[in-house]
Amino acid sequence: TLVATSGETGRLLLYEQAGKSVSDHKLLLPTELLQETDRLQLHSDLRDPHIDVCAPELLALLQDNFDWQDLRRDLLPGI
């Protein structure tokens, strides 16, 4: 798993499942990430506990988009 966070705020900027972007020791990052923060922190040594903490407003969003199959894959790119 590859996680990119803002060095200033700790805000999650990128979450990629293992095998999607890390291969042959090459890393392709969207250029938008570099515009989000002055300090981009990359983590590939984290373990996923499969616990998601969300704001109460997410319930209304989930109700409007009930066809999502995977919360992380379907929601995170849209935020």
N, C-alpha and C. Protein backbone atom coordinates (compact mmCIF):
# COMPACT_ATOMS: atom_id res chain seq x y z
N THR A 1 0.84 -1.17 0.00
CA THR A 1 0.00 0.00 0.00
C THR A 1 0.89 1.24 0.00
N LEU A 2 0.53 2.21 -0.80
CA LEU A 2 1.25 3.48 -0.86
C LEU A 2 0.34 4.58 -0.36
N VAL A 3 0.83 5.36 0.58
CA VAL A 3 0.07 6.46 1.16
C VAL A 3 0.90 7.73 1.01
N ALA A 4 0.26 8.79 0.52
CA ALA A 4 0.91 10.10 0.45
C ALA A 4 0.11 11.05 1.32
N THR A 5 0.82 11.79 2.17
CA THR A 5 0.17 12.76 3.05
C THR A 5 0.86 14.10 2.94
N SER A 6 0.13 15.13 3.32
CA SER A 6 0.70 16.47 3.38
C SER A 6 1.59 16.55 4.61
N GLY A 7 2.80 17.02 4.44
CA GLY A 7 3.72 17.15 5.56
C GLY A 7 3.30 18.22 6.55
N GLU A 8 2.55 19.20 6.09
CA GLU A 8 2.11 20.28 6.98
C GLU A 8 0.91 19.88 7.82
N THR A 9 -0.07 19.22 7.21
CA THR A 9 -1.34 18.96 7.89
C THR A 9 -1.57 17.49 8.20
N GLY A 10 -0.86 16.59 7.54
CA GLY A 10 -1.10 15.17 7.71
C GLY A 10 -2.29 14.67 6.91
N ARG A 11 -2.88 15.55 6.10
CA ARG A 11 -4.06 15.20 5.29
C ARG A 11 -3.70 14.13 4.27
N LEU A 12 -4.56 13.14 4.13
CA LEU A 12 -4.37 12.08 3.16
C LEU A 12 -4.55 12.63 1.76
N LEU A 13 -3.55 12.45 0.91
CA LEU A 13 -3.60 12.94 -0.46
C LEU A 13 -3.70 11.82 -1.48
N LEU A 14 -3.18 10.63 -1.13
CA LEU A 14 -3.18 9.51 -2.06
C LEU A 14 -3.20 8.22 -1.27
N TYR A 15 -4.04 7.31 -1.73
CA TYR A 15 -4.07 5.95 -1.16
C TYR A 15 -4.14 4.98 -2.32
N GLU A 16 -3.12 4.15 -2.47
CA GLU A 16 -3.07 3.19 -3.57
C GLU A 16 -2.84 1.80 -2.98
N GLN A 17 -3.61 0.85 -3.46
CA GLN A 17 -3.41 -0.54 -3.04
C GLN A 17 -2.08 -1.03 -3.59
N ALA A 18 -1.48 -1.96 -2.91
CA ALA A 18 -0.20 -2.52 -3.34
C ALA A 18 -0.30 -3.09 -4.74
N GLY A 19 0.73 -2.88 -5.52
CA GLY A 19 0.78 -3.44 -6.86
C GLY A 19 0.25 -2.52 -7.93
N LYS A 20 -0.44 -1.45 -7.58
CA LYS A 20 -0.99 -0.56 -8.60
C LYS A 20 0.02 0.48 -9.06
N SER A 21 0.78 1.05 -8.14
CA SER A 21 1.70 2.11 -8.55
C SER A 21 3.15 1.82 -8.16
N VAL A 22 3.38 0.82 -7.35
CA VAL A 22 4.74 0.51 -6.95
C VAL A 22 5.16 -0.77 -7.66
N SER A 23 5.98 -0.61 -8.68
CA SER A 23 6.49 -1.77 -9.40
C SER A 23 7.85 -1.43 -9.96
N ASP A 24 8.74 -2.39 -9.93
CA ASP A 24 10.10 -2.20 -10.45
C ASP A 24 10.78 -0.98 -9.83
N HIS A 25 10.42 -0.65 -8.62
CA HIS A 25 11.01 0.46 -7.88
C HIS A 25 10.82 1.80 -8.59
N LYS A 26 9.78 1.92 -9.38
CA LYS A 26 9.44 3.18 -10.03
C LYS A 26 8.13 3.67 -9.46
N LEU A 27 8.00 4.97 -9.38
CA LEU A 27 6.83 5.56 -8.77
C LEU A 27 6.31 6.69 -9.66
N LEU A 28 5.06 6.59 -10.07
CA LEU A 28 4.43 7.63 -10.86
C LEU A 28 3.37 8.31 -9.99
N LEU A 29 3.57 9.59 -9.74
CA LEU A 29 2.64 10.34 -8.90
C LEU A 29 1.91 11.38 -9.75
N PRO A 30 0.64 11.59 -9.48
CA PRO A 30 -0.07 12.66 -10.19
C PRO A 30 0.57 14.01 -9.83
N THR A 31 0.73 14.87 -10.81
CA THR A 31 1.36 16.17 -10.56
C THR A 31 0.53 17.02 -9.60
N GLU A 32 -0.76 16.76 -9.50
CA GLU A 32 -1.61 17.52 -8.59
C GLU A 32 -1.14 17.37 -7.15
N LEU A 33 -0.55 16.22 -6.81
CA LEU A 33 -0.06 16.01 -5.46
C LEU A 33 1.02 17.02 -5.09
N LEU A 34 1.86 17.33 -6.05
CA LEU A 34 2.95 18.27 -5.79
C LEU A 34 2.45 19.70 -5.65
N GLN A 35 1.26 19.97 -6.13
CA GLN A 35 0.68 21.30 -5.99
C GLN A 35 -0.11 21.43 -4.70
N GLU A 36 -0.44 20.31 -4.05
CA GLU A 36 -1.25 20.30 -2.83
C GLU A 36 -0.45 20.74 -1.60
N THR A 37 0.86 20.47 -1.61
CA THR A 37 1.65 20.69 -0.40
C THR A 37 3.10 20.99 -0.74
N ASP A 38 3.79 21.66 0.16
CA ASP A 38 5.22 21.90 0.00
C ASP A 38 6.04 20.71 0.49
N ARG A 39 5.44 19.93 1.38
CA ARG A 39 6.12 18.76 1.94
C ARG A 39 5.25 17.53 1.75
N LEU A 40 5.56 16.73 0.77
CA LEU A 40 4.83 15.51 0.48
C LEU A 40 5.52 14.36 1.18
N GLN A 41 4.78 13.63 1.99
CA GLN A 41 5.35 12.48 2.69
C GLN A 41 4.77 11.21 2.08
N LEU A 42 5.66 10.29 1.69
CA LEU A 42 5.26 9.02 1.10
C LEU A 42 5.54 7.91 2.09
N HIS A 43 4.58 7.00 2.21
CA HIS A 43 4.72 5.87 3.13
C HIS A 43 4.37 4.60 2.36
N SER A 44 5.26 3.63 2.41
CA SER A 44 4.97 2.32 1.80
C SER A 44 5.11 1.22 2.84
N ASP A 45 5.37 1.61 4.08
CA ASP A 45 5.61 0.64 5.14
C ASP A 45 4.45 0.56 6.14
N LEU A 46 3.29 1.09 5.77
CA LEU A 46 2.15 1.10 6.68
C LEU A 46 1.28 -0.13 6.44
N ARG A 47 0.65 -0.60 7.48
CA ARG A 47 -0.30 -1.71 7.38
C ARG A 47 -1.70 -1.15 7.49
N ASP A 48 -2.60 -1.68 6.70
CA ASP A 48 -3.98 -1.22 6.68
C ASP A 48 -4.80 -1.99 7.70
N PRO A 49 -5.32 -1.31 8.76
CA PRO A 49 -6.14 -2.01 9.75
C PRO A 49 -7.59 -2.18 9.29
N HIS A 50 -7.94 -1.65 8.12
CA HIS A 50 -9.30 -1.72 7.57
C HIS A 50 -10.31 -1.03 8.47
N ILE A 51 -9.90 0.09 9.04
CA ILE A 51 -10.79 0.93 9.85
C ILE A 51 -10.85 2.29 9.17
N ASP A 52 -12.04 2.75 8.86
CA ASP A 52 -12.22 4.05 8.22
C ASP A 52 -12.98 4.97 9.17
N VAL A 53 -12.45 6.15 9.42
CA VAL A 53 -13.09 7.14 10.26
C VAL A 53 -13.61 8.24 9.33
N CYS A 54 -14.91 8.52 9.43
CA CYS A 54 -15.54 9.45 8.49
C CYS A 54 -16.36 10.49 9.24
N ALA A 55 -16.58 11.62 8.59
CA ALA A 55 -17.42 12.69 9.13
C ALA A 55 -18.88 12.29 8.97
N PRO A 56 -19.78 12.81 9.81
CA PRO A 56 -21.22 12.49 9.71
C PRO A 56 -21.81 12.86 8.34
N GLU A 57 -21.26 13.86 7.67
CA GLU A 57 -21.76 14.26 6.36
C GLU A 57 -21.60 13.16 5.32
N LEU A 58 -20.73 12.23 5.59
CA LEU A 58 -20.51 11.14 4.65
C LEU A 58 -21.76 10.27 4.49
N LEU A 59 -22.57 10.15 5.53
CA LEU A 59 -23.78 9.33 5.45
C LEU A 59 -24.71 9.82 4.34
N ALA A 60 -24.88 11.14 4.24
CA ALA A 60 -25.74 11.69 3.17
C ALA A 60 -25.12 11.41 1.80
N LEU A 61 -23.81 11.52 1.70
CA LEU A 61 -23.12 11.24 0.45
C LEU A 61 -23.28 9.78 0.05
N LEU A 62 -23.18 8.88 1.02
CA LEU A 62 -23.35 7.46 0.75
C LEU A 62 -24.79 7.14 0.33
N GLN A 63 -25.74 7.85 0.92
CA GLN A 63 -27.14 7.63 0.57
C GLN A 63 -27.40 8.04 -0.89
N ASP A 64 -26.77 9.12 -1.33
CA ASP A 64 -26.94 9.58 -2.71
C ASP A 64 -26.19 8.71 -3.71
N ASN A 65 -25.14 8.05 -3.26
CA ASN A 65 -24.31 7.21 -4.14
C ASN A 65 -24.31 5.77 -3.63
N PHE A 66 -25.45 5.19 -3.54
CA PHE A 66 -25.60 3.86 -2.94
C PHE A 66 -25.00 2.74 -3.77
N ASP A 67 -24.59 3.02 -4.99
CA ASP A 67 -24.04 1.97 -5.86
C ASP A 67 -22.54 1.76 -5.68
N TRP A 68 -21.92 2.51 -4.78
CA TRP A 68 -20.49 2.31 -4.55
C TRP A 68 -20.25 0.92 -3.97
N GLN A 69 -19.24 0.25 -4.46
CA GLN A 69 -18.89 -1.08 -4.00
C GLN A 69 -17.75 -1.06 -2.99
N ASP A 70 -16.82 -0.14 -3.19
CA ASP A 70 -15.64 -0.07 -2.35
C ASP A 70 -15.48 1.38 -1.90
N LEU A 71 -15.64 1.63 -0.62
CA LEU A 71 -15.62 3.00 -0.09
C LEU A 71 -14.33 3.73 -0.44
N ARG A 72 -13.22 3.10 -0.25
CA ARG A 72 -11.93 3.76 -0.52
C ARG A 72 -11.72 4.00 -2.00
N ARG A 73 -11.98 3.00 -2.81
CA ARG A 73 -11.75 3.14 -4.26
C ARG A 73 -12.73 4.12 -4.89
N ASP A 74 -13.98 4.11 -4.46
CA ASP A 74 -15.00 4.95 -5.08
C ASP A 74 -15.08 6.35 -4.49
N LEU A 75 -14.80 6.49 -3.22
CA LEU A 75 -14.97 7.79 -2.55
C LEU A 75 -13.70 8.64 -2.57
N LEU A 76 -12.59 8.09 -2.21
CA LEU A 76 -11.37 8.89 -2.05
C LEU A 76 -10.96 9.66 -3.29
N PRO A 77 -11.02 9.10 -4.49
CA PRO A 77 -10.63 9.90 -5.65
C PRO A 77 -11.56 11.11 -5.89
N GLY A 78 -12.78 11.05 -5.39
CA GLY A 78 -13.73 12.14 -5.61
C GLY A 78 -13.65 13.26 -4.61
N ILE A 79 -12.85 13.08 -3.57
CA ILE A 79 -12.75 14.11 -2.52
C ILE A 79 -11.62 15.06 -2.82
